[in-house]
């Protein structure tokens, strides 16, 4: 189980967390080791361009929603460099990135799932 899997489990349980992901696939939206805040999400409210914590084909990613099929309740996940990771069901979309280095992400209002609890310890 990798670090993103552990973060996904905590978010799925209702926690709002902060952590510092590594890698360059989301530059310039998220640079390696920038502090991100991720909250549980209502997947039915997602839009293309949202950054989500999701499981796709056995791997967990903090990547972009690049397409949505509401009728089949699934989203396509891609990085910010044009690589498509694949489609996943709403049940495997755990959270939405609400801030990067303390700067709120656009269009997040109304997407955070009700009944969440504030940061129960991230890995900053």
PDB file of N, CA and C in Angstrom:
ATOM      1  N   UNK A   1       0.851  -1.173   0.000  1.00  0.00           N
ATOM      2  CA  UNK A   1       0.000   0.000   0.000  1.00  0.00           C
ATOM      3  C   UNK A   1       0.897   1.236   0.000  1.00  0.00           C
ATOM      4  N   UNK A   2       0.703   2.117  -0.983  1.00  0.00           N
ATOM      5  CA  UNK A   2       1.501   3.322  -1.087  1.00  0.00           C
ATOM      6  C   UNK A   2       0.918   4.467  -0.282  1.00  0.00           C
ATOM      7  N   UNK A   3       1.673   5.556  -0.244  1.00  0.00           N
ATOM      8  CA  UNK A   3       1.252   6.735   0.520  1.00  0.00           C
ATOM      9  C   UNK A   3      -0.088   7.270   0.027  1.00  0.00           C
ATOM     10  N   UNK A   4      -0.291   7.326  -1.283  1.00  0.00           N
ATOM     11  CA  UNK A   4      -1.567   7.850  -1.789  1.00  0.00           C
ATOM     12  C   UNK A   4      -2.731   6.941  -1.412  1.00  0.00           C
ATOM     13  N   UNK A   5      -2.485   5.640  -1.335  1.00  0.00           N
ATOM     14  CA  UNK A   5      -3.538   4.722  -0.905  1.00  0.00           C
ATOM     15  C   UNK A   5      -3.935   5.007   0.541  1.00  0.00           C
ATOM     16  N   UNK A   6      -2.953   5.266   1.397  1.00  0.00           N
ATOM     17  CA  UNK A   6      -3.241   5.580   2.798  1.00  0.00           C
ATOM     18  C   UNK A   6      -4.003   6.895   2.908  1.00  0.00           C
ATOM     19  N   UNK A   7      -3.606   7.883   2.120  1.00  0.00           N
ATOM     20  CA  UNK A   7      -4.329   9.161   2.116  1.00  0.00           C
ATOM     21  C   UNK A   7      -5.762   8.960   1.628  1.00  0.00           C
ATOM     22  N   UNK A   8      -5.925   8.155   0.580  1.00  0.00           N
ATOM     23  CA  UNK A   8      -7.260   7.899   0.029  1.00  0.00           C
ATOM     24  C   UNK A   8      -8.161   7.245   1.068  1.00  0.00           C
ATOM     25  N   UNK A   9      -7.619   6.311   1.847  1.00  0.00           N
ATOM     26  CA  UNK A   9      -8.420   5.636   2.875  1.00  0.00           C
ATOM     27  C   UNK A   9      -8.897   6.633   3.928  1.00  0.00           C
ATOM     28  N   UNK A  10      -8.042   7.552   4.328  1.00  0.00           N
ATOM     29  CA  UNK A  10      -8.420   8.542   5.336  1.00  0.00           C
ATOM     30  C   UNK A  10      -9.474   9.510   4.797  1.00  0.00           C
ATOM     31  N   UNK A  11      -9.303   9.922   3.541  1.00  0.00           N
ATOM     32  CA  UNK A  11     -10.286  10.827   2.935  1.00  0.00           C
ATOM     33  C   UNK A  11     -11.621  10.105   2.768  1.00  0.00           C
ATOM     34  N   UNK A  12     -11.589   8.859   2.332  1.00  0.00           N
ATOM     35  CA  UNK A  12     -12.820   8.070   2.177  1.00  0.00           C
ATOM     36  C   UNK A  12     -13.553   7.928   3.509  1.00  0.00           C
ATOM     37  N   UNK A  13     -12.798   7.947   4.612  1.00  0.00           N
ATOM     38  CA  UNK A  13     -13.398   7.842   5.944  1.00  0.00           C
ATOM     39  C   UNK A  13     -13.934   9.176   6.452  1.00  0.00           C
ATOM     40  N   UNK A  14     -13.765  10.233   5.655  1.00  0.00           N
ATOM     41  CA  UNK A  14     -14.340  11.525   6.024  1.00  0.00           C
ATOM     42  C   UNK A  14     -13.368  12.588   6.471  1.00  0.00           C
ATOM     43  N   UNK A  15     -12.073  12.319   6.405  1.00  0.00           N
ATOM     44  CA  UNK A  15     -11.077  13.294   6.858  1.00  0.00           C
ATOM     45  C   UNK A  15     -10.690  14.277   5.761  1.00  0.00           C
ATOM     46  N   UNK A  16     -10.430  15.507   6.166  1.00  0.00           N
ATOM     47  CA  UNK A  16      -9.790  16.499   5.307  1.00  0.00           C
ATOM     48  C   UNK A  16      -8.313  16.439   5.673  1.00  0.00           C
ATOM     49  N   UNK A  17      -7.461  16.175   4.690  1.00  0.00           N
ATOM     50  CA  UNK A  17      -6.043  15.979   4.989  1.00  0.00           C
ATOM     51  C   UNK A  17      -5.164  16.925   4.185  1.00  0.00           C
ATOM     52  N   UNK A  18      -3.924  17.051   4.647  1.00  0.00           N
ATOM     53  CA  UNK A  18      -2.895  17.785   3.925  1.00  0.00           C
ATOM     54  C   UNK A  18      -1.711  16.855   3.752  1.00  0.00           C
ATOM     55  N   UNK A  19      -1.081  16.916   2.579  1.00  0.00           N
ATOM     56  CA  UNK A  19       0.122  16.131   2.333  1.00  0.00           C
ATOM     57  C   UNK A  19       0.894  16.771   1.192  1.00  0.00           C
ATOM     58  N   UNK A  20       2.103  16.270   0.961  1.00  0.00           N
ATOM     59  CA  UNK A  20       2.986  16.811  -0.071  1.00  0.00           C
ATOM     60  C   UNK A  20       3.297  15.721  -1.099  1.00  0.00           C
ATOM     61  N   UNK A  21       2.522  15.674  -2.191  1.00  0.00           N
ATOM     62  CA  UNK A  21       2.779  14.646  -3.205  1.00  0.00           C
ATOM     63  C   UNK A  21       4.086  14.933  -3.950  1.00  0.00           C
ATOM     64  N   UNK A  22       4.683  13.888  -4.495  1.00  0.00           N
ATOM     65  CA  UNK A  22       5.904  14.049  -5.274  1.00  0.00           C
ATOM     66  C   UNK A  22       5.626  13.712  -6.736  1.00  0.00           C
ATOM     67  N   UNK A  23       6.432  14.276  -7.608  1.00  0.00           N
ATOM     68  CA  UNK A  23       6.310  14.012  -9.036  1.00  0.00           C
ATOM     69  C   UNK A  23       6.038  15.279  -9.811  1.00  0.00           C
ATOM     70  N   UNK A  24       6.119  15.168 -11.143  1.00  0.00           N
ATOM     71  CA  UNK A  24       5.974  16.343 -12.006  1.00  0.00           C
ATOM     72  C   UNK A  24       4.795  16.253 -12.971  1.00  0.00           C
ATOM     73  N   UNK A  25       3.962  15.244 -12.824  1.00  0.00           N
ATOM     74  CA  UNK A  25       2.875  15.046 -13.800  1.00  0.00           C
ATOM     75  C   UNK A  25       1.770  16.095 -13.705  1.00  0.00           C
ATOM     76  N   UNK A  26       1.731  16.863 -12.620  1.00  0.00           N
ATOM     77  CA  UNK A  26       0.674  17.865 -12.465  1.00  0.00           C
ATOM     78  C   UNK A  26       1.200  19.306 -12.551  1.00  0.00           C
ATOM     79  N   UNK A  27       2.483  19.494 -12.873  1.00  0.00           N
ATOM     80  CA  UNK A  27       3.054  20.829 -13.031  1.00  0.00           C
ATOM     81  C   UNK A  27       2.351  21.513 -14.195  1.00  0.00           C
ATOM     82  N   UNK A  28       1.991  22.775 -14.114  1.00  0.00           N
ATOM     83  CA  UNK A  28       2.254  23.732 -13.052  1.00  0.00           C
ATOM     84  C   UNK A  28       1.142  23.815 -11.999  1.00  0.00           C
ATOM     85  N   UNK A  29       0.103  23.001 -12.102  1.00  0.00           N
ATOM     86  CA  UNK A  29      -0.991  23.080 -11.133  1.00  0.00           C
ATOM     87  C   UNK A  29      -0.521  22.684  -9.734  1.00  0.00           C
ATOM     88  N   UNK A  30       0.254  21.608  -9.666  1.00  0.00           N
ATOM     89  CA  UNK A  30       0.849  21.151  -8.413  1.00  0.00           C
ATOM     90  C   UNK A  30       2.288  20.760  -8.728  1.00  0.00           C
ATOM     91  N   UNK A  31       3.217  21.397  -8.039  1.00  0.00           N
ATOM     92  CA  UNK A  31       4.628  21.044  -8.180  1.00  0.00           C
ATOM     93  C   UNK A  31       4.995  20.024  -7.100  1.00  0.00           C
ATOM     94  N   UNK A  32       6.035  19.254  -7.356  1.00  0.00           N
ATOM     95  CA  UNK A  32       6.473  18.238  -6.413  1.00  0.00           C
ATOM     96  C   UNK A  32       6.719  18.853  -5.036  1.00  0.00           C
ATOM     97  N   UNK A  33       6.137  18.215  -4.011  1.00  0.00           N
ATOM     98  CA  UNK A  33       6.280  18.574  -2.598  1.00  0.00           C
ATOM     99  C   UNK A  33       5.500  19.814  -2.172  1.00  0.00           C
ATOM    100  N   UNK A  34       4.635  20.362  -3.031  1.00  0.00           N
ATOM    101  CA  UNK A  34       3.755  21.440  -2.583  1.00  0.00           C
ATOM    102  C   UNK A  34       2.704  20.849  -1.660  1.00  0.00           C
ATOM    103  N   UNK A  35       2.290  21.632  -0.675  1.00  0.00           N
ATOM    104  CA  UNK A  35       1.284  21.188   0.277  1.00  0.00           C
ATOM    105  C   UNK A  35      -0.095  21.255  -0.369  1.00  0.00           C
ATOM    106  N   UNK A  36      -0.793  20.123  -0.406  1.00  0.00           N
ATOM    107  CA  UNK A  36      -2.150  20.087  -0.944  1.00  0.00           C
ATOM    108  C   UNK A  36      -3.127  19.744   0.171  1.00  0.00           C
ATOM    109  N   UNK A  37      -4.330  20.282   0.059  1.00  0.00           N
ATOM    110  CA  UNK A  37      -5.425  19.947   0.959  1.00  0.00           C
ATOM    111  C   UNK A  37      -6.444  19.175   0.150  1.00  0.00           C
ATOM    112  N   UNK A  38      -6.860  18.020   0.669  1.00  0.00           N
ATOM    113  CA  UNK A  38      -7.824  17.168  -0.033  1.00  0.00           C
ATOM    114  C   UNK A  38      -8.968  16.853   0.922  1.00  0.00           C
ATOM    115  N   UNK A  39     -10.192  17.052   0.444  1.00  0.00           N
ATOM    116  CA  UNK A  39     -11.399  16.808   1.233  1.00  0.00           C
ATOM    117  C   UNK A  39     -12.267  15.766   0.527  1.00  0.00           C
ATOM    118  N   UNK A  40     -13.061  15.021   1.293  1.00  0.00           N
ATOM    119  CA  UNK A  40     -13.993  14.077   0.672  1.00  0.00           C
ATOM    120  C   UNK A  40     -14.905  14.805  -0.321  1.00  0.00           C
ATOM    121  N   UNK A  41     -15.208  14.148  -1.416  1.00  0.00           N
ATOM    122  CA  UNK A  41     -15.949  14.801  -2.501  1.00  0.00           C
ATOM    123  C   UNK A  41     -17.258  14.072  -2.795  1.00  0.00           C
ATOM    124  N   UNK A  42     -18.221  14.838  -3.276  1.00  0.00           N
ATOM    125  CA  UNK A  42     -19.442  14.282  -3.840  1.00  0.00           C
ATOM    126  C   UNK A  42     -19.171  14.130  -5.337  1.00  0.00           C
ATOM    127  N   UNK A  43     -18.835  12.926  -5.823  1.00  0.00           N
ATOM    128  CA  UNK A  43     -18.423  12.749  -7.215  1.00  0.00           C
ATOM    129  C   UNK A  43     -19.459  13.216  -8.240  1.00  0.00           C
ATOM    130  N   UNK A  44     -20.718  13.198  -7.875  1.00  0.00           N
ATOM    131  CA  UNK A  44     -21.760  13.626  -8.815  1.00  0.00           C
ATOM    132  C   UNK A  44     -21.662  15.122  -9.134  1.00  0.00           C
ATOM    133  N   UNK A  45     -20.916  15.868  -8.348  1.00  0.00           N
ATOM    134  CA  UNK A  45     -20.785  17.315  -8.548  1.00  0.00           C
ATOM    135  C   UNK A  45     -19.494  17.710  -9.252  1.00  0.00           C
ATOM    136  N   UNK A  46     -18.674  16.736  -9.620  1.00  0.00           N
ATOM    137  CA  UNK A  46     -17.394  17.025 -10.250  1.00  0.00           C
ATOM    138  C   UNK A  46     -17.559  17.666 -11.619  1.00  0.00           C
ATOM    139  N   UNK A  47     -16.529  18.417 -11.994  1.00  0.00           N
ATOM    140  CA  UNK A  47     -16.451  19.039 -13.305  1.00  0.00           C
ATOM    141  C   UNK A  47     -15.090  18.732 -13.915  1.00  0.00           C
ATOM    142  N   UNK A  48     -15.023  18.757 -15.239  1.00  0.00           N
ATOM    143  CA  UNK A  48     -13.745  18.611 -15.921  1.00  0.00           C
ATOM    144  C   UNK A  48     -12.825  19.727 -15.420  1.00  0.00           C
ATOM    145  N   UNK A  49     -11.596  19.359 -15.096  1.00  0.00           N
ATOM    146  CA  UNK A  49     -10.621  20.317 -14.580  1.00  0.00           C
ATOM    147  C   UNK A  49     -10.424  20.246 -13.078  1.00  0.00           C
ATOM    148  N   UNK A  50     -11.336  19.566 -12.365  1.00  0.00           N
ATOM    149  CA  UNK A  50     -11.146  19.373 -10.928  1.00  0.00           C
ATOM    150  C   UNK A  50      -9.969  18.423 -10.711  1.00  0.00           C
ATOM    151  N   UNK A  51      -9.234  18.639  -9.624  1.00  0.00           N
ATOM    152  CA  UNK A  51      -8.149  17.740  -9.245  1.00  0.00           C
ATOM    153  C   UNK A  51      -8.691  16.827  -8.152  1.00  0.00           C
ATOM    154  N   UNK A  52      -8.598  15.520  -8.386  1.00  0.00           N
ATOM    155  CA  UNK A  52      -9.172  14.562  -7.448  1.00  0.00           C
ATOM    156  C   UNK A  52      -8.159  13.504  -7.037  1.00  0.00           C
ATOM    157  N   UNK A  53      -8.425  12.897  -5.890  1.00  0.00           N
ATOM    158  CA  UNK A  53      -7.683  11.737  -5.413  1.00  0.00           C
ATOM    159  C   UNK A  53      -8.553  10.537  -5.772  1.00  0.00           C
ATOM    160  N   UNK A  54      -8.075   9.723  -6.709  1.00  0.00           N
ATOM    161  CA  UNK A  54      -8.909   8.639  -7.241  1.00  0.00           C
ATOM    162  C   UNK A  54      -8.073   7.406  -7.537  1.00  0.00           C
ATOM    163  N   UNK A  55      -8.750   6.267  -7.521  1.00  0.00           N
ATOM    164  CA  UNK A  55      -8.114   4.992  -7.861  1.00  0.00           C
ATOM    165  C   UNK A  55      -8.542   4.596  -9.263  1.00  0.00           C
ATOM    166  N   UNK A  56      -7.538   4.331 -10.108  1.00  0.00           N
ATOM    167  CA  UNK A  56      -7.776   3.961 -11.504  1.00  0.00           C
ATOM    168  C   UNK A  56      -6.909   2.750 -11.833  1.00  0.00           C
ATOM    169  N   UNK A  57      -7.533   1.676 -12.257  1.00  0.00           N
ATOM    170  CA  UNK A  57      -6.809   0.478 -12.704  1.00  0.00           C
ATOM    171  C   UNK A  57      -5.729   0.047 -11.714  1.00  0.00           C
ATOM    172  N   UNK A  58      -6.067   0.049 -10.414  1.00  0.00           N
ATOM    173  CA  UNK A  58      -5.152  -0.450  -9.406  1.00  0.00           C
ATOM    174  C   UNK A  58      -4.158   0.543  -8.836  1.00  0.00           C
ATOM    175  N   UNK A  59      -4.146   1.774  -9.336  1.00  0.00           N
ATOM    176  CA  UNK A  59      -3.239   2.804  -8.817  1.00  0.00           C
ATOM    177  C   UNK A  59      -4.046   4.000  -8.345  1.00  0.00           C
ATOM    178  N   UNK A  60      -3.511   4.695  -7.341  1.00  0.00           N
ATOM    179  CA  UNK A  60      -4.169   5.888  -6.815  1.00  0.00           C
ATOM    180  C   UNK A  60      -3.411   7.115  -7.294  1.00  0.00           C
ATOM    181  N   UNK A  61      -4.158   8.104  -7.770  1.00  0.00           N
ATOM    182  CA  UNK A  61      -3.576   9.314  -8.350  1.00  0.00           C
ATOM    183  C   UNK A  61      -4.205  10.561  -7.755  1.00  0.00           C
ATOM    184  N   UNK A  62      -3.439  11.638  -7.739  1.00  0.00           N
ATOM    185  CA  UNK A  62      -3.963  12.979  -7.499  1.00  0.00           C
ATOM    186  C   UNK A  62      -3.851  13.666  -8.846  1.00  0.00           C
ATOM    187  N   UNK A  63      -4.899  13.521  -9.656  1.00  0.00           N
ATOM    188  CA  UNK A  63      -4.874  13.977 -11.043  1.00  0.00           C
ATOM    189  C   UNK A  63      -6.175  14.685 -11.420  1.00  0.00           C
ATOM    190  N   UNK A  64      -6.235  15.102 -12.668  1.00  0.00           N
ATOM    191  CA  UNK A  64      -7.364  15.866 -13.191  1.00  0.00           C
ATOM    192  C   UNK A  64      -8.523  14.992 -13.651  1.00  0.00           C
ATOM    193  N   UNK A  65      -9.715  15.516 -13.481  1.00  0.00           N
ATOM    194  CA  UNK A  65     -10.884  14.937 -14.139  1.00  0.00           C
ATOM    195  C   UNK A  65     -10.854  15.483 -15.562  1.00  0.00           C
ATOM    196  N   UNK A  66     -10.714  14.595 -16.548  1.00  0.00           N
ATOM    197  CA  UNK A  66     -10.611  15.050 -17.942  1.00  0.00           C
ATOM    198  C   UNK A  66     -11.886  14.801 -18.746  1.00  0.00           C
ATOM    199  N   UNK A  67     -12.783  13.982 -18.228  1.00  0.00           N
ATOM    200  CA  UNK A  67     -14.081  13.748 -18.873  1.00  0.00           C
ATOM    201  C   UNK A  67     -15.006  13.124 -17.824  1.00  0.00           C
ATOM    202  N   UNK A  68     -16.304  13.292 -18.045  1.00  0.00           N
ATOM    203  CA  UNK A  68     -17.304  12.752 -17.121  1.00  0.00           C
ATOM    204  C   UNK A  68     -18.408  12.078 -17.919  1.00  0.00           C
ATOM    205  N   UNK A  69     -18.822  10.896 -17.470  1.00  0.00           N
ATOM    206  CA  UNK A  69     -19.997  10.223 -18.020  1.00  0.00           C
ATOM    207  C   UNK A  69     -20.988  10.062 -16.867  1.00  0.00           C
ATOM    208  N   UNK A  70     -21.838  11.052 -16.692  1.00  0.00           N
ATOM    209  CA  UNK A  70     -22.778  11.049 -15.574  1.00  0.00           C
ATOM    210  C   UNK A  70     -23.746   9.872 -15.648  1.00  0.00           C
ATOM    211  N   UNK A  71     -24.151   9.480 -16.855  1.00  0.00           N
ATOM    212  CA  UNK A  71     -25.124   8.396 -17.000  1.00  0.00           C
ATOM    213  C   UNK A  71     -24.587   7.048 -16.535  1.00  0.00           C
ATOM    214  N   UNK A  72     -23.266   6.864 -16.577  1.00  0.00           N
ATOM    215  CA  UNK A  72     -22.655   5.612 -16.100  1.00  0.00           C
ATOM    216  C   UNK A  72     -21.869   5.833 -14.807  1.00  0.00           C
ATOM    217  N   UNK A  73     -21.963   7.035 -14.239  1.00  0.00           N
ATOM    218  CA  UNK A  73     -21.321   7.382 -12.963  1.00  0.00           C
ATOM    219  C   UNK A  73     -19.834   7.068 -12.959  1.00  0.00           C
ATOM    220  N   UNK A  74     -19.136   7.616 -13.958  1.00  0.00           N
ATOM    221  CA  UNK A  74     -17.692   7.435 -13.989  1.00  0.00           C
ATOM    222  C   UNK A  74     -17.006   8.675 -14.545  1.00  0.00           C
ATOM    223  N   UNK A  75     -15.713   8.779 -14.229  1.00  0.00           N
ATOM    224  CA  UNK A  75     -14.900   9.910 -14.680  1.00  0.00           C
ATOM    225  C   UNK A  75     -13.620   9.390 -15.307  1.00  0.00           C
ATOM    226  N   UNK A  76     -13.084  10.191 -16.223  1.00  0.00           N
ATOM    227  CA  UNK A  76     -11.790   9.885 -16.808  1.00  0.00           C
ATOM    228  C   UNK A  76     -10.745  10.706 -16.052  1.00  0.00           C
ATOM    229  N   UNK A  77      -9.644  10.074 -15.689  1.00  0.00           N
ATOM    230  CA  UNK A  77      -8.582  10.710 -14.919  1.00  0.00           C
ATOM    231  C   UNK A  77      -7.338  10.829 -15.803  1.00  0.00           C
ATOM    232  N   UNK A  78      -6.728  12.028 -15.784  1.00  0.00           N
ATOM    233  CA  UNK A  78      -5.527  12.293 -16.582  1.00  0.00           C
ATOM    234  C   UNK A  78      -4.562  13.155 -15.795  1.00  0.00           C
ATOM    235  N   UNK A  79      -3.299  13.133 -16.195  1.00  0.00           N
ATOM    236  CA  UNK A  79      -2.364  14.060 -15.576  1.00  0.00           C
ATOM    237  C   UNK A  79      -2.426  15.392 -16.322  1.00  0.00           C
ATOM    238  N   UNK A  80      -1.576  16.326 -15.960  1.00  0.00           N
ATOM    239  CA  UNK A  80      -1.605  17.646 -16.590  1.00  0.00           C
ATOM    240  C   UNK A  80      -0.657  17.724 -17.778  1.00  0.00           C
ATOM    241  N   UNK A  81      -0.202  16.587 -18.245  1.00  0.00           N
ATOM    242  CA  UNK A  81       0.712  16.541 -19.377  1.00  0.00           C
ATOM    243  C   UNK A  81       0.105  15.804 -20.573  1.00  0.00           C
ATOM    244  N   UNK A  82      -1.195  15.490 -20.468  1.00  0.00           N
ATOM    245  CA  UNK A  82      -1.878  14.857 -21.586  1.00  0.00           C
ATOM    246  C   UNK A  82      -2.020  13.345 -21.504  1.00  0.00           C
ATOM    247  N   UNK A  83      -1.442  12.715 -20.477  1.00  0.00           N
ATOM    248  CA  UNK A  83      -1.571  11.263 -20.354  1.00  0.00           C
ATOM    249  C   UNK A  83      -2.869  10.910 -19.645  1.00  0.00           C
ATOM    250  N   UNK A  84      -3.656  10.065 -20.283  1.00  0.00           N
ATOM    251  CA  UNK A  84      -4.911   9.592 -19.702  1.00  0.00           C
ATOM    252  C   UNK A  84      -4.622   8.329 -18.904  1.00  0.00           C
ATOM    253  N   UNK A  85      -5.021   8.336 -17.621  1.00  0.00           N
ATOM    254  CA  UNK A  85      -4.836   7.164 -16.771  1.00  0.00           C
ATOM    255  C   UNK A  85      -5.953   6.156 -16.969  1.00  0.00           C
ATOM    256  N   UNK A  86      -7.162   6.643 -17.288  1.00  0.00           N
ATOM    257  CA  UNK A  86      -8.281   5.750 -17.541  1.00  0.00           C
ATOM    258  C   UNK A  86      -9.560   6.222 -16.877  1.00  0.00           C
ATOM    259  N   UNK A  87     -10.581   5.381 -16.999  1.00  0.00           N
ATOM    260  CA  UNK A  87     -11.894   5.668 -16.435  1.00  0.00           C
ATOM    261  C   UNK A  87     -12.038   4.966 -15.089  1.00  0.00           C
ATOM    262  N   UNK A  88     -12.770   5.594 -14.182  1.00  0.00           N
ATOM    263  CA  UNK A  88     -13.043   4.981 -12.893  1.00  0.00           C
ATOM    264  C   UNK A  88     -14.433   5.379 -12.431  1.00  0.00           C
ATOM    265  N   UNK A  89     -15.046   4.528 -11.638  1.00  0.00           N
ATOM    266  CA  UNK A  89     -16.385   4.801 -11.122  1.00  0.00           C
ATOM    267  C   UNK A  89     -16.373   5.845 -10.023  1.00  0.00           C
ATOM    268  N   UNK A  90     -17.502   6.493  -9.832  1.00  0.00           N
ATOM    269  CA  UNK A  90     -17.643   7.515  -8.784  1.00  0.00           C
ATOM    270  C   UNK A  90     -17.198   6.985  -7.418  1.00  0.00           C
ATOM    271  N   UNK A  91     -17.434   5.703  -7.142  1.00  0.00           N
ATOM    272  CA  UNK A  91     -17.086   5.130  -5.840  1.00  0.00           C
ATOM    273  C   UNK A  91     -15.582   5.111  -5.589  1.00  0.00           C
ATOM    274  N   UNK A  92     -14.791   5.249  -6.648  1.00  0.00           N
ATOM    275  CA  UNK A  92     -13.333   5.246  -6.495  1.00  0.00           C
ATOM    276  C   UNK A  92     -12.736   6.651  -6.560  1.00  0.00           C
ATOM    277  N   UNK A  93     -13.585   7.658  -6.516  1.00  0.00           N
ATOM    278  CA  UNK A  93     -13.113   9.039  -6.431  1.00  0.00           C
ATOM    279  C   UNK A  93     -13.305   9.447  -4.977  1.00  0.00           C
ATOM    280  N   UNK A  94     -12.201   9.573  -4.254  1.00  0.00           N
ATOM    281  CA  UNK A  94     -12.251   9.744  -2.805  1.00  0.00           C
ATOM    282  C   UNK A  94     -12.302  11.204  -2.364  1.00  0.00           C
ATOM    283  N   UNK A  95     -11.546  12.059  -3.048  1.00  0.00           N
ATOM    284  CA  UNK A  95     -11.463  13.437  -2.580  1.00  0.00           C
ATOM    285  C   UNK A  95     -11.170  14.421  -3.693  1.00  0.00           C
ATOM    286  N   UNK A  96     -11.329  15.691  -3.344  1.00  0.00           N
ATOM    287  CA  UNK A  96     -11.054  16.783  -4.265  1.00  0.00           C
ATOM    288  C   UNK A  96     -10.000  17.677  -3.636  1.00  0.00           C
ATOM    289  N   UNK A  97      -9.065  18.139  -4.448  1.00  0.00           N
ATOM    290  CA  UNK A  97      -8.040  19.061  -3.978  1.00  0.00           C
ATOM    291  C   UNK A  97      -8.696  20.431  -3.815  1.00  0.00           C
ATOM    292  N   UNK A  98      -8.688  20.915  -2.577  1.00  0.00           N
ATOM    293  CA  UNK A  98      -9.341  22.194  -2.290  1.00  0.00           C
ATOM    294  C   UNK A  98      -8.360  23.353  -2.226  1.00  0.00           C
ATOM    295  N   UNK A  99      -7.053  23.054  -2.041  1.00  0.00           N
ATOM    296  CA  UNK A  99      -6.046  24.111  -1.967  1.00  0.00           C
ATOM    297  C   UNK A  99      -4.667  23.547  -2.270  1.00  0.00           C
ATOM    298  N   UNK A 100      -3.813  24.415  -2.834  1.00  0.00           N
ATOM    299  CA  UNK A 100      -2.414  24.085  -3.073  1.00  0.00           C
ATOM    300  C   UNK A 100      -1.583  25.183  -2.422  1.00  0.00           C
ATOM    301  N   UNK A 101      -0.735  24.796  -1.489  1.00  0.00           N
ATOM    302  CA  UNK A 101       0.059  25.750  -0.698  1.00  0.00           C
ATOM    303  C   UNK A 101      -0.816  26.837  -0.092  1.00  0.00           C
ATOM    304  N   UNK A 102      -1.991  26.444   0.377  1.00  0.00           N
ATOM    305  CA  UNK A 102      -2.894  27.374   1.050  1.00  0.00           C
ATOM    306  C   UNK A 102      -3.736  28.231   0.125  1.00  0.00           C
ATOM    307  N   UNK A 103      -3.526  28.128  -1.187  1.00  0.00           N
ATOM    308  CA  UNK A 103      -4.305  28.907  -2.163  1.00  0.00           C
ATOM    309  C   UNK A 103      -5.498  28.056  -2.602  1.00  0.00           C
ATOM    310  N   UNK A 104      -6.712  28.536  -2.344  1.00  0.00           N
ATOM    311  CA  UNK A 104      -7.898  27.751  -2.714  1.00  0.00           C
ATOM    312  C   UNK A 104      -7.967  27.464  -4.215  1.00  0.00           C
ATOM    313  N   UNK A 105      -8.391  26.256  -4.546  1.00  0.00           N
ATOM    314  CA  UNK A 105      -8.622  25.888  -5.947  1.00  0.00           C
ATOM    315  C   UNK A 105      -9.969  26.447  -6.388  1.00  0.00           C
ATOM    316  N   UNK A 106     -10.087  26.820  -7.659  1.00  0.00           N
ATOM    317  CA  UNK A 106     -11.364  27.344  -8.163  1.00  0.00           C
ATOM    318  C   UNK A 106     -12.433  26.259  -8.253  1.00  0.00           C
ATOM    319  N   UNK A 107     -13.682  26.683  -8.171  1.00  0.00           N
ATOM    320  CA  UNK A 107     -14.855  25.842  -8.406  1.00  0.00           C
ATOM    321  C   UNK A 107     -14.966  24.642  -7.467  1.00  0.00           C
ATOM    322  N   UNK A 108     -14.539  24.786  -6.220  1.00  0.00           N
ATOM    323  CA  UNK A 108     -14.629  23.692  -5.262  1.00  0.00           C
ATOM    324  C   UNK A 108     -15.910  23.783  -4.435  1.00  0.00           C
ATOM    325  N   UNK A 109     -16.450  24.982  -4.310  1.00  0.00           N
ATOM    326  CA  UNK A 109     -17.643  25.188  -3.467  1.00  0.00           C
ATOM    327  C   UNK A 109     -18.760  24.227  -3.853  1.00  0.00           C
ATOM    328  N   UNK A 110     -19.345  23.602  -2.840  1.00  0.00           N
ATOM    329  CA  UNK A 110     -20.465  22.697  -3.054  1.00  0.00           C
ATOM    330  C   UNK A 110     -20.084  21.290  -3.456  1.00  0.00           C
ATOM    331  N   UNK A 111     -18.786  21.009  -3.609  1.00  0.00           N
ATOM    332  CA  UNK A 111     -18.357  19.680  -4.039  1.00  0.00           C
ATOM    333  C   UNK A 111     -17.865  18.802  -2.894  1.00  0.00           C
ATOM    334  N   UNK A 112     -17.529  19.437  -1.768  1.00  0.00           N
ATOM    335  CA  UNK A 112     -17.057  18.674  -0.614  1.00  0.00           C
ATOM    336  C   UNK A 112     -18.242  17.946   0.002  1.00  0.00           C
ATOM    337  N   UNK A 113     -18.061  16.668   0.276  1.00  0.00           N
ATOM    338  CA  UNK A 113     -19.112  15.828   0.837  1.00  0.00           C
ATOM    339  C   UNK A 113     -19.486  16.309   2.240  1.00  0.00           C
ATOM    340  N   UNK A 114     -20.736  16.295   2.543  1.00  0.00           N
ATOM    341  CA  UNK A 114     -21.227  16.702   3.878  1.00  0.00           C
ATOM    342  C   UNK A 114     -20.741  15.719   4.928  1.00  0.00           C
ATOM    343  N   UNK A 115     -20.571  16.217   6.151  1.00  0.00           N
ATOM    344  CA  UNK A 115     -20.212  15.364   7.283  1.00  0.00           C
ATOM    345  C   UNK A 115     -18.737  15.056   7.396  1.00  0.00           C
ATOM    346  N   UNK A 116     -17.879  15.880   6.816  1.00  0.00           N
ATOM    347  CA  UNK A 116     -16.440  15.634   6.910  1.00  0.00           C
ATOM    348  C   UNK A 116     -15.881  16.276   8.167  1.00  0.00           C
ATOM    349  N   UNK A 117     -14.729  15.786   8.604  1.00  0.00           N
ATOM    350  CA  UNK A 117     -14.071  16.392   9.750  1.00  0.00           C
ATOM    351  C   UNK A 117     -12.703  16.939   9.336  1.00  0.00           C
ATOM    352  N   UNK A 118     -12.343  18.042   9.950  1.00  0.00           N
ATOM    353  CA  UNK A 118     -11.131  18.767   9.599  1.00  0.00           C
ATOM    354  C   UNK A 118      -9.895  17.951   9.893  1.00  0.00           C
ATOM    355  N   UNK A 119      -8.907  18.164   9.072  1.00  0.00           N
ATOM    356  CA  UNK A 119      -7.575  17.589   9.144  1.00  0.00           C
ATOM    357  C   UNK A 119      -7.285  16.751  10.386  1.00  0.00           C
ATOM    358  N   UNK A 120      -7.250  15.466  10.196  1.00  0.00           N
ATOM    359  CA  UNK A 120      -6.915  14.569  11.290  1.00  0.00           C
ATOM    360  C   UNK A 120      -5.462  14.112  11.157  1.00  0.00           C
ATOM    361  N   UNK A 121      -4.641  15.057  10.780  1.00  0.00           N
ATOM    362  CA  UNK A 121      -3.211  14.772  10.673  1.00  0.00           C
ATOM    363  C   UNK A 121      -2.810  14.307   9.302  1.00  0.00           C
ATOM    364  N   UNK A 122      -2.194  15.178   8.584  1.00  0.00           N
ATOM    365  CA  UNK A 122      -1.670  14.827   7.271  1.00  0.00           C
ATOM    366  C   UNK A 122      -0.206  14.508   7.381  1.00  0.00           C
ATOM    367  N   UNK A 123       0.473  14.558   6.284  1.00  0.00           N
ATOM    368  CA  UNK A 123       1.920  14.331   6.247  1.00  0.00           C
ATOM    369  C   UNK A 123       2.584  15.495   5.561  1.00  0.00           C
ATOM    370  N   UNK A 124       2.540  16.703   6.156  1.00  0.00           N
ATOM    371  CA  UNK A 124       3.130  17.864   5.481  1.00  0.00           C
ATOM    372  C   UNK A 124       4.616  17.766   5.321  1.00  0.00           C
TER     373      UNK A 124
END
